[in-house]
Protein backbone atom coordinates (compact mmCIF):
# COMPACT_ATOMS: atom_id res chain seq x y z
CA MET A 1 16.66 40.59 6.01
CA LEU A 2 19.37 39.45 9.18
CA ASP A 3 22.85 39.31 8.53
CA LEU A 4 25.51 39.92 11.12
CA GLY A 5 28.25 38.17 10.15
CA LYS A 6 29.93 35.01 11.70
CA PHE A 7 30.79 34.76 15.78
CA ASN A 8 33.08 32.24 17.13
CA ILE A 9 31.24 29.44 18.94
CA LEU A 10 33.46 26.71 20.48
CA GLY A 11 35.57 27.66 17.80
CA VAL A 12 33.42 27.37 14.99
CA ASN A 13 32.55 30.38 13.16
CA VAL A 14 28.33 30.53 12.67
CA ASN A 15 27.27 33.17 10.43
CA ALA A 16 24.04 35.16 12.61
CA ILE A 17 21.59 35.34 9.97
CA ASP A 18 18.32 35.09 8.52
CA TYR A 19 16.04 32.68 6.14
CA GLN A 20 15.79 35.52 4.19
CA ALA A 21 19.30 36.86 4.01
CA ALA A 22 20.49 33.07 3.59
CA THR A 23 18.23 32.43 0.58
CA GLN A 24 19.05 35.86 -1.01
CA ARG A 25 23.19 34.78 -0.92
CA VAL A 26 22.51 31.40 -2.62
CA VAL A 27 20.50 32.55 -5.05
CA ARG A 28 23.08 35.42 -5.73
CA ALA A 29 25.73 32.69 -5.69
CA ALA A 30 23.69 30.66 -8.41
CA MET A 31 22.75 33.34 -10.41
CA ASP A 32 26.47 34.44 -11.02
CA GLN A 33 27.37 30.60 -11.55
CA ARG A 34 29.80 31.10 -8.11
CA GLY A 35 30.64 28.85 -5.71
CA LEU A 36 29.36 28.93 -2.03
CA SER A 37 29.63 26.36 0.78
CA VAL A 38 26.79 26.11 3.36
CA THR A 39 25.38 23.98 6.27
CA ALA A 40 23.34 24.32 8.63
CA LEU A 41 24.50 23.44 11.94
CA ALA A 42 22.78 21.97 15.06
CA VAL A 43 24.92 21.24 18.69
CA HIS A 44 26.02 17.48 17.07
CA GLY A 45 27.36 19.79 13.73
CA VAL A 46 29.21 21.97 16.13
CA MET A 47 30.77 19.66 18.08
CA SER A 48 32.11 17.97 15.19
CA GLY A 49 34.55 20.61 14.67
CA VAL A 50 34.93 20.54 18.44
CA CYS A 51 36.21 16.94 18.04
CA ASP A 52 38.05 17.23 15.30
CA ARG A 53 40.87 19.93 14.87
CA GLN A 54 40.84 18.93 10.43
CA HIS A 55 37.05 19.63 10.46
CA GLN A 56 37.25 22.57 12.49
CA TYR A 57 39.51 24.22 9.68
CA ARG A 58 36.86 22.79 6.75
CA LEU A 59 33.74 24.42 8.77
CA ASN A 60 35.92 27.48 9.30
CA GLN A 61 36.36 27.41 5.43
CA PHE A 62 32.14 27.54 4.64
CA ASP A 63 31.06 30.49 3.26
CA LEU A 64 27.74 29.94 5.02
CA VAL A 65 27.21 28.33 8.47
CA CYS A 66 23.56 28.68 9.88
CA PRO A 67 22.47 28.35 12.82
CA ASP A 68 20.23 25.03 12.56
CA GLY A 69 19.73 23.91 16.23
CA GLN A 70 18.07 25.97 18.71
CA PRO A 71 21.13 25.71 21.26
CA VAL A 72 23.27 27.14 18.43
CA ARG A 73 20.80 30.65 18.02
CA TRP A 74 20.80 30.83 22.16
CA ALA A 75 24.74 30.32 22.12
CA LEU A 76 24.73 33.30 19.44
CA ASN A 77 22.18 35.21 21.68
CA CYS A 78 23.87 34.88 24.77
CA LEU A 79 27.17 35.52 23.70
CA TYR A 80 27.33 38.44 21.27
CA GLY A 81 23.50 39.73 21.73
CA CYS A 82 22.81 38.97 18.00
CA GLN A 83 18.95 39.18 18.95
CA LEU A 84 18.10 36.49 16.71
CA ILE A 85 14.18 35.48 17.14
CA ASP A 86 14.49 32.33 15.09
CA ARG A 87 17.08 29.52 13.84
CA VAL A 88 17.76 28.49 10.14
CA TYR A 89 16.39 25.10 10.46
CA GLY A 90 18.10 23.28 7.35
CA PRO A 91 14.65 21.57 6.19
CA ASN A 92 12.90 24.65 6.06
CA LEU A 93 16.42 26.12 4.53
CA THR A 94 15.77 23.55 1.66
CA ILE A 95 11.73 24.48 1.07
CA GLU A 96 12.98 28.52 1.01
CA ILE A 97 15.43 27.97 -1.31
CA CYS A 98 13.64 25.25 -3.66
CA GLN A 99 11.08 27.89 -3.63
CA SER A 100 12.94 30.81 -4.73
CA ALA A 101 14.96 28.73 -7.40
CA ALA A 102 11.48 27.50 -8.76
CA GLU A 103 10.83 31.59 -9.35
CA ALA A 104 14.06 32.50 -10.57
CA LYS A 105 14.55 29.35 -12.80
CA LEU A 106 17.47 27.54 -11.63
CA PRO A 107 17.70 23.96 -11.49
CA ILE A 108 18.49 22.17 -9.00
CA TYR A 109 20.71 19.16 -8.37
CA LEU A 110 20.07 16.26 -5.26
CA PHE A 111 22.93 13.86 -3.68
CA GLY A 112 22.69 11.75 -1.14
CA ALA A 113 20.60 9.33 0.22
CA THR A 114 18.98 6.35 -1.54
CA ASP A 115 17.29 5.92 -4.68
CA ASP A 116 13.83 5.38 -3.29
CA MET A 117 14.18 8.44 -0.90
CA LEU A 118 15.22 10.49 -3.72
CA ILE A 119 12.44 9.48 -5.86
CA ALA A 120 10.03 10.19 -3.21
CA LEU A 121 11.82 13.50 -2.61
CA ARG A 122 11.54 14.87 -6.48
CA GLU A 123 7.74 13.57 -6.22
CA ASN A 124 6.69 15.72 -3.16
CA LEU A 125 8.65 18.85 -4.23
CA MET A 126 7.44 18.79 -7.59
CA GLU A 127 3.87 18.76 -5.99
CA ARG A 128 5.06 21.72 -3.84
CA PHE A 129 6.55 23.81 -6.39
CA PRO A 130 5.56 23.00 -9.81
CA SER A 131 7.98 25.08 -11.18
CA LEU A 132 10.92 23.34 -10.13
CA GLU A 133 13.32 21.78 -12.34
CA ILE A 134 15.13 19.26 -10.46
CA ALA A 135 18.29 18.64 -12.64
CA GLY A 136 19.46 15.31 -11.63
CA MET A 137 20.03 13.03 -8.75
CA ARG A 138 21.84 10.33 -7.56
CA ALA A 139 22.00 8.17 -4.08
CA SER A 140 24.87 7.59 -1.77
CA ARG A 141 27.52 4.95 -2.77
CA PHE A 142 27.67 4.78 0.69
CA ARG A 143 30.89 4.80 0.59
CA HIS A 144 34.64 7.29 -0.32
CA LEU A 145 35.11 7.88 -3.86
CA SER A 146 37.85 7.19 -5.73
CA THR A 147 39.42 10.61 -7.89
CA THR A 148 37.95 9.06 -10.66
CA GLU A 149 34.50 8.30 -9.73
CA ARG A 150 34.89 12.16 -7.74
CA ASP A 151 35.73 13.66 -11.36
CA ALA A 152 33.08 12.03 -12.71
CA LEU A 153 30.22 12.92 -10.43
CA VAL A 154 31.27 16.33 -10.81
CA GLN A 155 31.20 16.27 -14.79
CA GLU A 156 27.85 14.57 -14.42
CA ILE A 157 26.71 17.06 -12.04
CA ARG A 158 28.00 20.39 -14.13
CA GLU A 159 26.72 18.97 -17.15
CA SER A 160 23.02 18.43 -15.74
CA GLY A 161 22.84 21.60 -16.05
CA ALA A 162 22.02 22.70 -12.08
CA LYS A 163 22.81 25.86 -10.45
CA ILE A 164 22.58 24.47 -7.26
CA CYS A 165 23.12 21.52 -5.52
CA PHE A 166 21.72 19.78 -2.42
CA VAL A 167 23.25 17.31 -0.11
CA GLY A 168 22.12 14.63 2.03
CA LEU A 169 24.88 12.59 3.33
CA GLY A 170 24.66 13.37 7.27
CA CYS A 171 27.23 15.15 9.55
CA PRO A 172 29.92 15.26 9.16
CA ARG A 173 30.03 13.71 5.54
CA GLN A 174 27.89 15.96 3.80
CA GLU A 175 29.95 19.15 4.79
CA VAL A 176 33.21 17.18 3.81
CA PHE A 177 31.57 16.85 0.62
CA ALA A 178 30.82 20.21 0.39
CA TYR A 179 33.90 21.56 1.67
CA GLU A 180 35.65 19.73 -1.20
CA MET A 181 33.26 20.15 -3.84
CA ARG A 182 32.84 23.57 -3.81
CA ASP A 183 35.44 25.17 -6.29
CA ARG A 184 35.28 22.23 -8.86
CA LEU A 185 30.70 22.43 -9.25
CA LYS A 186 31.51 26.73 -8.75
CA MET A 187 27.77 26.36 -7.91
CA PRO A 188 25.89 26.67 -3.96
CA VAL A 189 26.62 23.05 -2.47
CA ILE A 190 24.58 22.96 0.39
CA ALA A 191 24.47 19.91 2.76
CA VAL A 192 20.95 19.91 4.56
CA GLY A 193 21.13 17.16 6.72
CA ALA A 194 17.80 15.28 7.05
CA ALA A 195 15.70 17.39 5.30
CA PHE A 196 16.15 14.99 2.29
CA ALA A 197 14.30 12.32 4.94
CA PHE A 198 11.66 14.94 6.38
CA HIS A 199 10.75 16.53 2.72
CA ALA A 200 10.66 12.58 1.57
CA GLY A 201 8.25 11.78 4.10
CA VAL A 202 10.53 8.73 5.89
CA LEU A 203 11.01 10.72 8.78
CA GLN A 204 8.68 12.76 10.82
CA GLN A 205 9.65 15.75 11.62
CA ALA A 206 9.06 17.19 15.52
CA PRO A 207 6.05 19.22 16.22
CA ALA A 208 6.72 23.00 16.31
CA TRP A 209 6.33 23.40 19.87
CA VAL A 210 8.71 21.05 20.13
CA GLN A 211 11.10 22.64 18.11
CA LYS A 212 10.48 26.37 19.56
CA TYR A 213 11.90 24.93 22.90
CA GLY A 214 15.41 23.43 21.51
CA LEU A 215 13.50 19.38 22.37
CA GLU A 216 13.95 18.50 18.29
CA TRP A 217 16.52 16.12 19.31
CA ALA A 218 14.20 14.49 22.44
CA PHE A 219 11.36 13.65 20.21
CA ARG A 220 14.47 12.26 17.48
CA LEU A 221 15.95 9.99 20.05
CA THR A 222 12.30 8.39 20.50
CA ARG A 223 12.07 7.70 16.58
CA GLU A 224 15.94 6.10 16.11
CA PRO A 225 16.97 5.53 19.51
CA ARG A 226 20.17 2.89 18.92
CA ARG A 227 21.51 5.58 16.20
CA LEU A 228 21.15 8.99 17.97
CA TRP A 229 21.31 7.81 22.03
CA LYS A 230 25.06 7.91 21.96
CA ARG A 231 25.36 11.28 20.12
CA TYR A 232 22.97 12.59 22.21
CA ALA A 233 24.13 11.33 25.56
CA THR A 234 27.57 12.97 24.82
CA THR A 235 27.35 15.93 22.86
CA ASN A 236 24.52 17.97 24.07
CA PRO A 237 25.73 18.12 27.56
CA ALA A 238 29.46 18.99 26.37
CA PHE A 239 28.37 21.61 24.12
CA ALA A 240 26.77 23.10 27.55
CA VAL A 241 29.65 22.54 29.38
CA LEU A 242 32.17 24.08 26.66
CA LEU A 243 29.73 27.16 25.88
CA CYS A 244 29.59 27.90 29.97
CA LEU A 245 33.12 28.00 29.79
CA GLN A 246 33.27 29.65 26.94
CA TRP A 247 30.97 32.77 28.54
CA LEU A 248 33.03 32.82 31.26
CA GLY A 249 36.46 33.42 29.38
CA VAL A 250 37.88 30.03 30.54
CA HIS A 251 37.46 28.47 26.67
CA THR A 252 39.09 30.50 24.40
CA ARG A 253 39.29 28.29 21.25
CA GLY A 254 40.06 30.89 18.51
CA ASP A 255 38.10 30.89 15.42
CA ASN A 256 41.87 30.32 14.04
CA GLN A 257 42.68 26.76 15.15
CA GLY A 258 42.07 24.13 13.19
CA LEU A 259 44.07 22.14 10.74
CA ARG A 260 44.33 22.13 7.31
CA PRO A 261 43.49 17.80 6.14
CA SER A 262 46.36 16.67 4.37
CA GLU A 263 44.46 14.93 1.91
CA GLU A 264 41.32 14.26 0.56
CA VAL A 265 38.66 12.35 1.85
CA LEU A 266 35.26 12.54 0.24
CA PHE A 267 32.06 9.99 1.28
CA GLY A 268 29.83 9.84 -1.83
């Protein structure tokens, strides 16, 4: 088990951690009924903090920011000698947590995506983990929530009996959700990105060897070119350039930078 703490990657604090330690922290918080904000960031996630100072602030308030993408893991190893042998991939972390939740009798809640995707996700998770209790689930409205809607959602999740909440809204909306809802829900709120789509069988995951060499972006681009081409054409090169500048000591954006959001904007 490895948990070396947080390290500054382009101004965003990322944990050098492995699956076992990350899962253990989630389970402990769930048992203690304690708020815990968790996300797994790939290059796009880190760059969302680089490009938006308010979002940088949000990310740096997270309890646990896992290195989802191989380039993020490589950055931790290159800049800080963390010697991470694997990333903490959101879809795999989801499975690890679900397995531990089933063993510990910790009910979960699924928020985000569409009704059809959530139904398929629930069926697949229950087939894989028969003892897993899914206390509730709700699809995204795909718009910003009013204060009244937010409070009703908080009440629904808490009254469901869930001890862990998974959120699949896409980056950066799911991170905003986890940031805003952690203390209101008083349970781990875990932003898991495309994990819902993968485990529901809606999207195909890249082969293991593609993931190992950091080429998952290319695989996903072939599956969703219209949605993803601009993201990968801009964020990947920018990340590489800025990381080189940080390694050279030219890019010194501190992890204390960022602008606290002046108002709550919750997408759900």
